[in-house]
Amino acid sequence: MGESVAPIEYNYMTKDELFQKGVPLDSVQSMEVPGFSTLLRDGKRISHTYI
C-alpha cells in the first residue's frame, strides 16, 4: 500500500511530523514488523505493553 492509497502515518505521527523528528521516510515501511500487544490488570491499575 502506498501513499496514493492512504497517507503515511507511523506511531500516530504524520509524514510531516516524522520528517520534523528526523525519521528517514524511506525507512518507515521497513520498520513495520509484527508484534504483540497486551493489557495487564493489577487491581485498579491497568498497564498496556507490547513487543
PDB file of N, CA and C in Angstrom:
ATOM      1  N   MET A   1       0.860  -1.177   0.000  1.00  0.00           N
ATOM      2  CA  MET A   1       0.000   0.000   0.000  1.00  0.00           C
ATOM      3  C   MET A   1       0.895   1.226   0.000  1.00  0.00           C
ATOM      4  N   GLY A   2       0.626   2.117  -0.859  1.00  0.00           N
ATOM      5  CA  GLY A   2       1.426   3.320  -0.956  1.00  0.00           C
ATOM      6  C   GLY A   2       0.665   4.547  -0.520  1.00  0.00           C
ATOM      7  N   GLU A   3       1.331   5.671  -0.598  1.00  0.00           N
ATOM      8  CA  GLU A   3       0.725   6.938  -0.181  1.00  0.00           C
ATOM      9  C   GLU A   3      -0.441   7.333  -1.087  1.00  0.00           C
ATOM     10  N   SER A   4      -0.502   6.758  -2.276  1.00  0.00           N
ATOM     11  CA  SER A   4      -1.631   7.064  -3.154  1.00  0.00           C
ATOM     12  C   SER A   4      -2.925   6.431  -2.631  1.00  0.00           C
ATOM     13  N   VAL A   5      -2.804   5.416  -1.784  1.00  0.00           N
ATOM     14  CA  VAL A   5      -3.969   4.748  -1.200  1.00  0.00           C
ATOM     15  C   VAL A   5      -4.330   5.375   0.134  1.00  0.00           C
ATOM     16  N   ALA A   6      -3.331   5.623   0.974  1.00  0.00           N
ATOM     17  CA  ALA A   6      -3.547   6.215   2.298  1.00  0.00           C
ATOM     18  C   ALA A   6      -2.315   7.041   2.656  1.00  0.00           C
ATOM     19  N   PRO A   7      -2.489   8.150   3.369  1.00  0.00           N
ATOM     20  CA  PRO A   7      -1.330   8.948   3.753  1.00  0.00           C
ATOM     21  C   PRO A   7      -0.420   8.178   4.718  1.00  0.00           C
ATOM     22  N   ILE A   8       0.875   8.476   4.636  1.00  0.00           N
ATOM     23  CA  ILE A   8       1.834   7.834   5.529  1.00  0.00           C
ATOM     24  C   ILE A   8       1.563   8.271   6.966  1.00  0.00           C
ATOM     25  N   GLU A   9       1.465   7.292   7.848  1.00  0.00           N
ATOM     26  CA  GLU A   9       1.348   7.555   9.282  1.00  0.00           C
ATOM     27  C   GLU A   9       2.057   6.426   9.999  1.00  0.00           C
ATOM     28  N   TYR A  10       2.895   6.767  10.980  1.00  0.00           N
ATOM     29  CA  TYR A  10       3.634   5.769  11.734  1.00  0.00           C
ATOM     30  C   TYR A  10       3.694   6.226  13.177  1.00  0.00           C
ATOM     31  N   ASN A  11       3.367   5.330  14.100  1.00  0.00           N
ATOM     32  CA  ASN A  11       3.348   5.664  15.528  1.00  0.00           C
ATOM     33  C   ASN A  11       2.516   6.914  15.797  1.00  0.00           C
ATOM     34  N   TYR A  12       1.378   6.990  15.146  1.00  0.00           N
ATOM     35  CA  TYR A  12       0.416   8.089  15.325  1.00  0.00           C
ATOM     36  C   TYR A  12       0.976   9.442  14.899  1.00  0.00           C
ATOM     37  N   MET A  13       2.003   9.449  14.042  1.00  0.00           N
ATOM     38  CA  MET A  13       2.575  10.696  13.537  1.00  0.00           C
ATOM     39  C   MET A  13       2.399  10.752  12.019  1.00  0.00           C
ATOM     40  N   THR A  14       2.137  11.941  11.517  1.00  0.00           N
ATOM     41  CA  THR A  14       2.006  12.141  10.078  1.00  0.00           C
ATOM     42  C   THR A  14       3.382  12.173   9.426  1.00  0.00           C
ATOM     43  N   LYS A  15       3.390  12.173   8.102  1.00  0.00           N
ATOM     44  CA  LYS A  15       4.633  12.248   7.343  1.00  0.00           C
ATOM     45  C   LYS A  15       5.420  13.504   7.721  1.00  0.00           C
ATOM     46  N   ASP A  16       4.741  14.646   7.857  1.00  0.00           N
ATOM     47  CA  ASP A  16       5.418  15.890   8.219  1.00  0.00           C
ATOM     48  C   ASP A  16       6.012  15.824   9.625  1.00  0.00           C
ATOM     49  N   GLU A  17       5.276  15.255  10.566  1.00  0.00           N
ATOM     50  CA  GLU A  17       5.788  15.132  11.940  1.00  0.00           C
ATOM     51  C   GLU A  17       6.998  14.205  11.986  1.00  0.00           C
ATOM     52  N   LEU A  18       6.956  13.113  11.228  1.00  0.00           N
ATOM     53  CA  LEU A  18       8.107  12.208  11.161  1.00  0.00           C
ATOM     54  C   LEU A  18       9.319  12.931  10.590  1.00  0.00           C
ATOM     55  N   PHE A  19       9.118  13.691   9.512  1.00  0.00           N
ATOM     56  CA  PHE A  19      10.199  14.439   8.876  1.00  0.00           C
ATOM     57  C   PHE A  19      10.817  15.431   9.862  1.00  0.00           C
ATOM     58  N   GLN A  20       9.973  16.143  10.629  1.00  0.00           N
ATOM     59  CA  GLN A  20      10.468  17.125  11.604  1.00  0.00           C
ATOM     60  C   GLN A  20      11.292  16.451  12.703  1.00  0.00           C
ATOM     61  N   LYS A  21      10.991  15.208  13.032  1.00  0.00           N
ATOM     62  CA  LYS A  21      11.747  14.474  14.049  1.00  0.00           C
ATOM     63  C   LYS A  21      12.998  13.816  13.477  1.00  0.00           C
ATOM     64  N   GLY A  22      13.186  13.949  12.159  1.00  0.00           N
ATOM     65  CA  GLY A  22      14.389  13.402  11.537  1.00  0.00           C
ATOM     66  C   GLY A  22      14.292  11.934  11.164  1.00  0.00           C
ATOM     67  N   VAL A  23      13.094  11.382  11.137  1.00  0.00           N
ATOM     68  CA  VAL A  23      12.921   9.980  10.752  1.00  0.00           C
ATOM     69  C   VAL A  23      13.026   9.869   9.241  1.00  0.00           C
ATOM     70  N   PRO A  24      13.952   9.038   8.723  1.00  0.00           N
ATOM     71  CA  PRO A  24      14.052   8.873   7.272  1.00  0.00           C
ATOM     72  C   PRO A  24      12.795   8.197   6.742  1.00  0.00           C
ATOM     73  N   LEU A  25      12.058   8.893   5.891  1.00  0.00           N
ATOM     74  CA  LEU A  25      10.767   8.390   5.435  1.00  0.00           C
ATOM     75  C   LEU A  25      10.874   7.109   4.623  1.00  0.00           C
ATOM     76  N   ASP A  26      12.013   6.882   3.965  1.00  0.00           N
ATOM     77  CA  ASP A  26      12.151   5.650   3.192  1.00  0.00           C
ATOM     78  C   ASP A  26      12.292   4.432   4.091  1.00  0.00           C
ATOM     79  N   SER A  27      12.580   4.636   5.381  1.00  0.00           N
ATOM     80  CA  SER A  27      12.718   3.505   6.299  1.00  0.00           C
ATOM     81  C   SER A  27      11.438   3.208   7.072  1.00  0.00           C
ATOM     82  N   VAL A  28      10.418   4.064   6.954  1.00  0.00           N
ATOM     83  CA  VAL A  28       9.195   3.884   7.734  1.00  0.00           C
ATOM     84  C   VAL A  28       8.537   2.544   7.425  1.00  0.00           C
ATOM     85  N   GLN A  29       8.389   2.193   6.162  1.00  0.00           N
ATOM     86  CA  GLN A  29       7.756   0.924   5.831  1.00  0.00           C
ATOM     87  C   GLN A  29       8.580  -0.258   6.300  1.00  0.00           C
ATOM     88  N   SER A  30       9.900  -0.156   6.269  1.00  0.00           N
ATOM     89  CA  SER A  30      10.736  -1.280   6.703  1.00  0.00           C
ATOM     90  C   SER A  30      10.715  -1.435   8.225  1.00  0.00           C
ATOM     91  N   MET A  31      10.223  -0.425   8.964  1.00  0.00           N
ATOM     92  CA  MET A  31      10.155  -0.520  10.425  1.00  0.00           C
ATOM     93  C   MET A  31       8.902  -1.263  10.881  1.00  0.00           C
ATOM     94  N   GLU A  32       7.949  -1.466   9.999  1.00  0.00           N
ATOM     95  CA  GLU A  32       6.719  -2.161  10.362  1.00  0.00           C
ATOM     96  C   GLU A  32       6.991  -3.654  10.462  1.00  0.00           C
ATOM     97  N   VAL A  33       6.836  -4.201  11.643  1.00  0.00           N
ATOM     98  CA  VAL A  33       7.016  -5.632  11.870  1.00  0.00           C
ATOM     99  C   VAL A  33       5.887  -6.140  12.756  1.00  0.00           C
ATOM    100  N   PRO A  34       5.592  -7.433  12.695  1.00  0.00           N
ATOM    101  CA  PRO A  34       4.547  -7.972  13.565  1.00  0.00           C
ATOM    102  C   PRO A  34       4.950  -7.835  15.032  1.00  0.00           C
ATOM    103  N   GLY A  35       3.978  -7.763  15.885  1.00  0.00           N
ATOM    104  CA  GLY A  35       4.259  -7.668  17.308  1.00  0.00           C
ATOM    105  C   GLY A  35       3.056  -8.111  18.120  1.00  0.00           C
ATOM    106  N   PHE A  36       3.208  -8.085  19.421  1.00  0.00           N
ATOM    107  CA  PHE A  36       2.150  -8.467  20.337  1.00  0.00           C
ATOM    108  C   PHE A  36       1.842  -7.294  21.250  1.00  0.00           C
ATOM    109  N   SER A  37       0.574  -7.120  21.550  1.00  0.00           N
ATOM    110  CA  SER A  37       0.124  -6.075  22.439  1.00  0.00           C
ATOM    111  C   SER A  37      -0.757  -6.735  23.488  1.00  0.00           C
ATOM    112  N   THR A  38      -0.580  -6.358  24.740  1.00  0.00           N
ATOM    113  CA  THR A  38      -1.368  -6.975  25.799  1.00  0.00           C
ATOM    114  C   THR A  38      -1.676  -5.973  26.906  1.00  0.00           C
ATOM    115  N   LEU A  39      -2.710  -6.247  27.647  1.00  0.00           N
ATOM    116  CA  LEU A  39      -3.095  -5.441  28.805  1.00  0.00           C
ATOM    117  C   LEU A  39      -2.920  -6.283  30.059  1.00  0.00           C
ATOM    118  N   LEU A  40      -2.476  -5.651  31.137  1.00  0.00           N
ATOM    119  CA  LEU A  40      -2.312  -6.315  32.419  1.00  0.00           C
ATOM    120  C   LEU A  40      -3.079  -5.528  33.456  1.00  0.00           C
ATOM    121  N   ARG A  41      -3.943  -6.207  34.187  1.00  0.00           N
ATOM    122  CA  ARG A  41      -4.713  -5.543  35.233  1.00  0.00           C
ATOM    123  C   ARG A  41      -4.228  -6.022  36.581  1.00  0.00           C
ATOM    124  N   ASP A  42      -3.884  -5.084  37.463  1.00  0.00           N
ATOM    125  CA  ASP A  42      -3.441  -5.366  38.820  1.00  0.00           C
ATOM    126  C   ASP A  42      -4.301  -4.513  39.742  1.00  0.00           C
ATOM    127  N   GLY A  43      -5.406  -5.070  40.204  1.00  0.00           N
ATOM    128  CA  GLY A  43      -6.364  -4.282  40.970  1.00  0.00           C
ATOM    129  C   GLY A  43      -7.006  -3.243  40.071  1.00  0.00           C
ATOM    130  N   LYS A  44      -6.884  -1.974  40.436  1.00  0.00           N
ATOM    131  CA  LYS A  44      -7.444  -0.897  39.617  1.00  0.00           C
ATOM    132  C   LYS A  44      -6.457  -0.390  38.570  1.00  0.00           C
ATOM    133  N   ARG A  45      -5.220  -0.815  38.667  1.00  0.00           N
ATOM    134  CA  ARG A  45      -4.180  -0.353  37.746  1.00  0.00           C
ATOM    135  C   ARG A  45      -4.178  -1.219  36.481  1.00  0.00           C
ATOM    136  N   ILE A  46      -4.200  -0.570  35.309  1.00  0.00           N
ATOM    137  CA  ILE A  46      -4.144  -1.270  34.027  1.00  0.00           C
ATOM    138  C   ILE A  46      -2.919  -0.779  33.262  1.00  0.00           C
ATOM    139  N   SER A  47      -2.128  -1.734  32.791  1.00  0.00           N
ATOM    140  CA  SER A  47      -0.926  -1.401  32.022  1.00  0.00           C
ATOM    141  C   SER A  47      -1.051  -1.987  30.626  1.00  0.00           C
ATOM    142  N   HIS A  48      -0.540  -1.262  29.643  1.00  0.00           N
ATOM    143  CA  HIS A  48      -0.512  -1.722  28.253  1.00  0.00           C
ATOM    144  C   HIS A  48       0.951  -1.904  27.878  1.00  0.00           C
ATOM    145  N   THR A  49       1.270  -3.034  27.326  1.00  0.00           N
ATOM    146  CA  THR A  49       2.641  -3.281  26.895  1.00  0.00           C
ATOM    147  C   THR A  49       2.639  -3.973  25.539  1.00  0.00           C
ATOM    148  N   TYR A  50       3.732  -3.892  24.860  1.00  0.00           N
ATOM    149  CA  TYR A  50       3.839  -4.521  23.545  1.00  0.00           C
ATOM    150  C   TYR A  50       5.292  -4.840  23.262  1.00  0.00           C
ATOM    151  N   ILE A  51       5.489  -5.847  22.406  1.00  0.00           N
ATOM    152  CA  ILE A  51       6.840  -6.217  21.961  1.00  0.00           C
ATOM    153  C   ILE A  51       6.825  -6.395  20.471  1.00  0.00           C
TER     154      ILE A  51
END
